[in-house]
Amino acid sequence: MAGYWDERMLRDGGEVGLINDRDYWLHRAAEARLIGSLCQDQISQDIMERLAQYYDELALRSEASD
């Protein structure tokens, strides 16, 4: 899953094009939630959920800048 985005970053010439890419941030949010679901302790789960929420906010901001 992460490999696709890594390859895309290289193909697109770096991260700059992804900063305003809604799908990129939504993918990162989903990835953070998946990792959180695999965590054993509540604190780690909460941190990953908070991170996912930040990624969701970045996705919304990238939509607004279009």
PDB file of N, CA and C in Angstrom:
ATOM      1  N   MET A   1       0.814  -1.191   0.000  1.00  0.00           N
ATOM      2  CA  MET A   1       0.000   0.000   0.000  1.00  0.00           C
ATOM      3  C   MET A   1       0.859   1.258   0.000  1.00  0.00           C
ATOM      4  N   ALA A   2       1.784   1.362   0.930  1.00  0.00           N
ATOM      5  CA  ALA A   2       2.637   2.552   0.989  1.00  0.00           C
ATOM      6  C   ALA A   2       3.531   2.647  -0.239  1.00  0.00           C
ATOM      7  N   GLY A   3       3.877   1.506  -0.821  1.00  0.00           N
ATOM      8  CA  GLY A   3       4.751   1.499  -1.986  1.00  0.00           C
ATOM      9  C   GLY A   3       4.210   2.319  -3.137  1.00  0.00           C
ATOM     10  N   TYR A   4       2.900   2.282  -3.341  1.00  0.00           N
ATOM     11  CA  TYR A   4       2.284   3.054  -4.421  1.00  0.00           C
ATOM     12  C   TYR A   4       2.597   4.534  -4.261  1.00  0.00           C
ATOM     13  N   TRP A   5       2.436   5.040  -3.053  1.00  0.00           N
ATOM     14  CA  TRP A   5       2.653   6.463  -2.821  1.00  0.00           C
ATOM     15  C   TRP A   5       4.125   6.808  -2.922  1.00  0.00           C
ATOM     16  N   ASP A   6       5.003   5.933  -2.457  1.00  0.00           N
ATOM     17  CA  ASP A   6       6.432   6.182  -2.571  1.00  0.00           C
ATOM     18  C   ASP A   6       6.832   6.253  -4.034  1.00  0.00           C
ATOM     19  N   GLU A   7       6.323   5.325  -4.842  1.00  0.00           N
ATOM     20  CA  GLU A   7       6.624   5.336  -6.270  1.00  0.00           C
ATOM     21  C   GLU A   7       6.065   6.587  -6.935  1.00  0.00           C
ATOM     22  N   ARG A   8       4.863   6.987  -6.521  1.00  0.00           N
ATOM     23  CA  ARG A   8       4.256   8.176  -7.103  1.00  0.00           C
ATOM     24  C   ARG A   8       5.069   9.411  -6.782  1.00  0.00           C
ATOM     25  N   MET A   9       5.567   9.498  -5.548  1.00  0.00           N
ATOM     26  CA  MET A   9       6.384  10.652  -5.174  1.00  0.00           C
ATOM     27  C   MET A   9       7.623  10.737  -6.044  1.00  0.00           C
ATOM     28  N   LEU A  10       8.258   9.619  -6.298  1.00  0.00           N
ATOM     29  CA  LEU A  10       9.451   9.611  -7.133  1.00  0.00           C
ATOM     30  C   LEU A  10       9.098   9.957  -8.575  1.00  0.00           C
ATOM     31  N   ARG A  11       8.028   9.391  -9.078  1.00  0.00           N
ATOM     32  CA  ARG A  11       7.617   9.614 -10.461  1.00  0.00           C
ATOM     33  C   ARG A  11       7.204  11.064 -10.685  1.00  0.00           C
ATOM     34  N   ASP A  12       6.526  11.656  -9.698  1.00  0.00           N
ATOM     35  CA  ASP A  12       6.031  13.022  -9.835  1.00  0.00           C
ATOM     36  C   ASP A  12       7.101  14.070  -9.545  1.00  0.00           C
ATOM     37  N   GLY A  13       8.291  13.630  -9.158  1.00  0.00           N
ATOM     38  CA  GLY A  13       9.363  14.582  -8.906  1.00  0.00           C
ATOM     39  C   GLY A  13       9.417  15.070  -7.474  1.00  0.00           C
ATOM     40  N   GLY A  14       8.846  14.348  -6.559  1.00  0.00           N
ATOM     41  CA  GLY A  14       8.949  14.719  -5.152  1.00  0.00           C
ATOM     42  C   GLY A  14       7.608  14.890  -4.486  1.00  0.00           C
ATOM     43  N   GLU A  15       7.670  15.405  -3.290  1.00  0.00           N
ATOM     44  CA  GLU A  15       6.482  15.528  -2.450  1.00  0.00           C
ATOM     45  C   GLU A  15       5.608  16.720  -2.803  1.00  0.00           C
ATOM     46  N   VAL A  16       6.148  17.689  -3.452  1.00  0.00           N
ATOM     47  CA  VAL A  16       5.457  18.966  -3.628  1.00  0.00           C
ATOM     48  C   VAL A  16       4.078  18.796  -4.252  1.00  0.00           C
ATOM     49  N   GLY A  17       3.964  17.947  -5.251  1.00  0.00           N
ATOM     50  CA  GLY A  17       2.674  17.744  -5.894  1.00  0.00           C
ATOM     51  C   GLY A  17       1.661  17.063  -5.008  1.00  0.00           C
ATOM     52  N   LEU A  18       2.110  16.353  -4.001  1.00  0.00           N
ATOM     53  CA  LEU A  18       1.187  15.625  -3.135  1.00  0.00           C
ATOM     54  C   LEU A  18       0.619  16.472  -2.009  1.00  0.00           C
ATOM     55  N   ILE A  19       1.227  17.595  -1.720  1.00  0.00           N
ATOM     56  CA  ILE A  19       0.789  18.416  -0.597  1.00  0.00           C
ATOM     57  C   ILE A  19      -0.669  18.830  -0.762  1.00  0.00           C
ATOM     58  N   ASN A  20      -1.082  19.120  -1.968  1.00  0.00           N
ATOM     59  CA  ASN A  20      -2.461  19.547  -2.228  1.00  0.00           C
ATOM     60  C   ASN A  20      -3.297  18.435  -2.841  1.00  0.00           C
ATOM     61  N   ASP A  21      -2.893  17.204  -2.627  1.00  0.00           N
ATOM     62  CA  ASP A  21      -3.598  16.051  -3.177  1.00  0.00           C
ATOM     63  C   ASP A  21      -4.495  15.436  -2.101  1.00  0.00           C
ATOM     64  N   ARG A  22      -5.790  15.641  -2.243  1.00  0.00           N
ATOM     65  CA  ARG A  22      -6.772  15.151  -1.276  1.00  0.00           C
ATOM     66  C   ARG A  22      -6.641  13.657  -1.033  1.00  0.00           C
ATOM     67  N   ASP A  23      -6.515  12.885  -2.108  1.00  0.00           N
ATOM     68  CA  ASP A  23      -6.439  11.426  -1.977  1.00  0.00           C
ATOM     69  C   ASP A  23      -5.200  10.982  -1.207  1.00  0.00           C
ATOM     70  N   TYR A  24      -4.108  11.697  -1.379  1.00  0.00           N
ATOM     71  CA  TYR A  24      -2.886  11.364  -0.645  1.00  0.00           C
ATOM     72  C   TYR A  24      -3.142  11.438   0.853  1.00  0.00           C
ATOM     73  N   TRP A  25      -3.767  12.527   1.320  1.00  0.00           N
ATOM     74  CA  TRP A  25      -4.005  12.709   2.749  1.00  0.00           C
ATOM     75  C   TRP A  25      -5.050  11.729   3.270  1.00  0.00           C
ATOM     76  N   LEU A  26      -6.071  11.449   2.458  1.00  0.00           N
ATOM     77  CA  LEU A  26      -7.071  10.468   2.884  1.00  0.00           C
ATOM     78  C   LEU A  26      -6.459   9.076   3.012  1.00  0.00           C
ATOM     79  N   HIS A  27      -5.536   8.765   2.114  1.00  0.00           N
ATOM     80  CA  HIS A  27      -4.840   7.479   2.201  1.00  0.00           C
ATOM     81  C   HIS A  27      -4.012   7.420   3.481  1.00  0.00           C
ATOM     82  N   ARG A  28      -3.328   8.496   3.779  1.00  0.00           N
ATOM     83  CA  ARG A  28      -2.525   8.541   5.008  1.00  0.00           C
ATOM     84  C   ARG A  28      -3.415   8.392   6.247  1.00  0.00           C
ATOM     85  N   ALA A  29      -4.597   9.009   6.225  1.00  0.00           N
ATOM     86  CA  ALA A  29      -5.533   8.875   7.348  1.00  0.00           C
ATOM     87  C   ALA A  29      -5.960   7.422   7.518  1.00  0.00           C
ATOM     88  N   ALA A  30      -6.282   6.770   6.418  1.00  0.00           N
ATOM     89  CA  ALA A  30      -6.687   5.359   6.487  1.00  0.00           C
ATOM     90  C   ALA A  30      -5.541   4.496   6.996  1.00  0.00           C
ATOM     91  N   GLU A  31      -4.344   4.799   6.549  1.00  0.00           N
ATOM     92  CA  GLU A  31      -3.170   4.049   6.985  1.00  0.00           C
ATOM     93  C   GLU A  31      -2.938   4.225   8.497  1.00  0.00           C
ATOM     94  N   ALA A  32      -3.096   5.452   8.981  1.00  0.00           N
ATOM     95  CA  ALA A  32      -2.917   5.710  10.409  1.00  0.00           C
ATOM     96  C   ALA A  32      -3.965   4.960  11.231  1.00  0.00           C
ATOM     97  N   ARG A  33      -5.194   4.926  10.729  1.00  0.00           N
ATOM     98  CA  ARG A  33      -6.243   4.193  11.445  1.00  0.00           C
ATOM     99  C   ARG A  33      -5.970   2.696  11.451  1.00  0.00           C
ATOM    100  N   LEU A  34      -5.457   2.183  10.361  1.00  0.00           N
ATOM    101  CA  LEU A  34      -5.107   0.764  10.308  1.00  0.00           C
ATOM    102  C   LEU A  34      -4.007   0.440  11.316  1.00  0.00           C
ATOM    103  N   ILE A  35      -2.983   1.263  11.349  1.00  0.00           N
ATOM    104  CA  ILE A  35      -1.894   1.053  12.306  1.00  0.00           C
ATOM    105  C   ILE A  35      -2.433   1.144  13.731  1.00  0.00           C
ATOM    106  N   GLY A  36      -3.309   2.115  13.975  1.00  0.00           N
ATOM    107  CA  GLY A  36      -3.897   2.256  15.304  1.00  0.00           C
ATOM    108  C   GLY A  36      -4.681   1.025  15.720  1.00  0.00           C
ATOM    109  N   SER A  37      -5.351   0.411  14.771  1.00  0.00           N
ATOM    110  CA  SER A  37      -6.126  -0.788  15.106  1.00  0.00           C
ATOM    111  C   SER A  37      -5.228  -1.968  15.469  1.00  0.00           C
ATOM    112  N   LEU A  38      -3.978  -1.895  15.062  1.00  0.00           N
ATOM    113  CA  LEU A  38      -3.030  -2.966  15.369  1.00  0.00           C
ATOM    114  C   LEU A  38      -2.278  -2.728  16.678  1.00  0.00           C
ATOM    115  N   CYS A  39      -2.380  -1.513  17.203  1.00  0.00           N
ATOM    116  CA  CYS A  39      -1.687  -1.184  18.454  1.00  0.00           C
ATOM    117  C   CYS A  39      -2.345  -1.892  19.624  1.00  0.00           C
ATOM    118  N   GLN A  40      -1.529  -2.267  20.581  1.00  0.00           N
ATOM    119  CA  GLN A  40      -2.017  -3.013  21.736  1.00  0.00           C
ATOM    120  C   GLN A  40      -2.555  -2.125  22.852  1.00  0.00           C
ATOM    121  N   ASP A  41      -2.035  -0.910  22.967  1.00  0.00           N
ATOM    122  CA  ASP A  41      -2.432  -0.069  24.101  1.00  0.00           C
ATOM    123  C   ASP A  41      -3.284   1.109  23.638  1.00  0.00           C
ATOM    124  N   GLN A  42      -4.120   1.575  24.531  1.00  0.00           N
ATOM    125  CA  GLN A  42      -5.076   2.639  24.227  1.00  0.00           C
ATOM    126  C   GLN A  42      -4.385   3.949  23.869  1.00  0.00           C
ATOM    127  N   ILE A  43      -3.294   4.280  24.528  1.00  0.00           N
ATOM    128  CA  ILE A  43      -2.589   5.535  24.242  1.00  0.00           C
ATOM    129  C   ILE A  43      -2.118   5.559  22.793  1.00  0.00           C
ATOM    130  N   SER A  44      -1.523   4.487  22.331  1.00  0.00           N
ATOM    131  CA  SER A  44      -1.055   4.419  20.941  1.00  0.00           C
ATOM    132  C   SER A  44      -2.233   4.485  19.974  1.00  0.00           C
ATOM    133  N   GLN A  45      -3.314   3.828  20.306  1.00  0.00           N
ATOM    134  CA  GLN A  45      -4.510   3.871  19.456  1.00  0.00           C
ATOM    135  C   GLN A  45      -5.036   5.299  19.352  1.00  0.00           C
ATOM    136  N   ASP A  46      -5.063   5.996  20.487  1.00  0.00           N
ATOM    137  CA  ASP A  46      -5.537   7.380  20.505  1.00  0.00           C
ATOM    138  C   ASP A  46      -4.636   8.299  19.690  1.00  0.00           C
ATOM    139  N   ILE A  47      -3.338   8.109  19.803  1.00  0.00           N
ATOM    140  CA  ILE A  47      -2.386   8.926  19.046  1.00  0.00           C
ATOM    141  C   ILE A  47      -2.584   8.714  17.546  1.00  0.00           C
ATOM    142  N   MET A  48      -2.738   7.477  17.135  1.00  0.00           N
ATOM    143  CA  MET A  48      -2.915   7.194  15.709  1.00  0.00           C
ATOM    144  C   MET A  48      -4.241   7.749  15.195  1.00  0.00           C
ATOM    145  N   GLU A  49      -5.283   7.712  16.022  1.00  0.00           N
ATOM    146  CA  GLU A  49      -6.564   8.292  15.614  1.00  0.00           C
ATOM    147  C   GLU A  49      -6.449   9.806  15.477  1.00  0.00           C
ATOM    148  N   ARG A  50      -5.740  10.434  16.403  1.00  0.00           N
ATOM    149  CA  ARG A  50      -5.525  11.886  16.324  1.00  0.00           C
ATOM    150  C   ARG A  50      -4.745  12.234  15.053  1.00  0.00           C
ATOM    151  N   LEU A  51      -3.738  11.455  14.752  1.00  0.00           N
ATOM    152  CA  LEU A  51      -2.970  11.669  13.526  1.00  0.00           C
ATOM    153  C   LEU A  51      -3.869  11.533  12.298  1.00  0.00           C
ATOM    154  N   ALA A  52      -4.725  10.524  12.301  1.00  0.00           N
ATOM    155  CA  ALA A  52      -5.654  10.329  11.193  1.00  0.00           C
ATOM    156  C   ALA A  52      -6.577  11.538  11.036  1.00  0.00           C
ATOM    157  N   GLN A  53      -7.021  12.099  12.141  1.00  0.00           N
ATOM    158  CA  GLN A  53      -7.883  13.276  12.082  1.00  0.00           C
ATOM    159  C   GLN A  53      -7.142  14.478  11.493  1.00  0.00           C
ATOM    160  N   TYR A  54      -5.864  14.620  11.831  1.00  0.00           N
ATOM    161  CA  TYR A  54      -5.061  15.692  11.228  1.00  0.00           C
ATOM    162  C   TYR A  54      -4.941  15.498   9.718  1.00  0.00           C
ATOM    163  N   TYR A  55      -4.728  14.257   9.302  1.00  0.00           N
ATOM    164  CA  TYR A  55      -4.661  13.967   7.866  1.00  0.00           C
ATOM    165  C   TYR A  55      -5.994  14.280   7.187  1.00  0.00           C
ATOM    166  N   ASP A  56      -7.101  13.950   7.846  1.00  0.00           N
ATOM    167  CA  ASP A  56      -8.416  14.289   7.293  1.00  0.00           C
ATOM    168  C   ASP A  56      -8.550  15.797   7.114  1.00  0.00           C
ATOM    169  N   GLU A  57      -8.067  16.561   8.088  1.00  0.00           N
ATOM    170  CA  GLU A  57      -8.119  18.017   7.992  1.00  0.00           C
ATOM    171  C   GLU A  57      -7.265  18.523   6.827  1.00  0.00           C
ATOM    172  N   LEU A  58      -6.102  17.925   6.629  1.00  0.00           N
ATOM    173  CA  LEU A  58      -5.257  18.314   5.498  1.00  0.00           C
ATOM    174  C   LEU A  58      -5.951  18.005   4.174  1.00  0.00           C
ATOM    175  N   ALA A  59      -6.684  16.897   4.126  1.00  0.00           N
ATOM    176  CA  ALA A  59      -7.433  16.562   2.911  1.00  0.00           C
ATOM    177  C   ALA A  59      -8.480  17.630   2.629  1.00  0.00           C
ATOM    178  N   LEU A  60      -9.188  18.071   3.665  1.00  0.00           N
ATOM    179  CA  LEU A  60     -10.186  19.121   3.484  1.00  0.00           C
ATOM    180  C   LEU A  60      -9.553  20.424   3.027  1.00  0.00           C
ATOM    181  N   ARG A  61      -8.404  20.757   3.594  1.00  0.00           N
ATOM    182  CA  ARG A  61      -7.704  21.985   3.203  1.00  0.00           C
ATOM    183  C   ARG A  61      -7.221  21.913   1.751  1.00  0.00           C
ATOM    184  N   SER A  62      -6.787  20.739   1.334  1.00  0.00           N
ATOM    185  CA  SER A  62      -6.316  20.605  -0.045  1.00  0.00           C
ATOM    186  C   SER A  62      -7.475  20.755  -1.021  1.00  0.00           C
ATOM    187  N   GLU A  63      -8.680  20.332  -0.621  1.00  0.00           N
ATOM    188  CA  GLU A  63      -9.865  20.531  -1.469  1.00  0.00           C
ATOM    189  C   GLU A  63     -10.184  22.001  -1.584  1.00  0.00           C
ATOM    190  N   ALA A  64     -10.047  22.715  -0.479  1.00  0.00           N
ATOM    191  CA  ALA A  64     -10.381  24.142  -0.460  1.00  0.00           C
ATOM    192  C   ALA A  64      -9.425  24.960  -1.320  1.00  0.00           C
ATOM    193  N   SER A  65      -8.195  24.469  -1.491  1.00  0.00           N
ATOM    194  CA  SER A  65      -7.213  25.229  -2.267  1.00  0.00           C
ATOM    195  C   SER A  65      -7.301  24.969  -3.754  1.00  0.00           C
ATOM    196  N   ASP A  66      -8.193  24.055  -4.156  1.00  0.00           N
ATOM    197  CA  ASP A  66      -8.346  23.759  -5.595  1.00  0.00           C
ATOM    198  C   ASP A  66      -9.066  24.857  -6.322  1.00  0.00           C
TER     199      ASP A  66
END
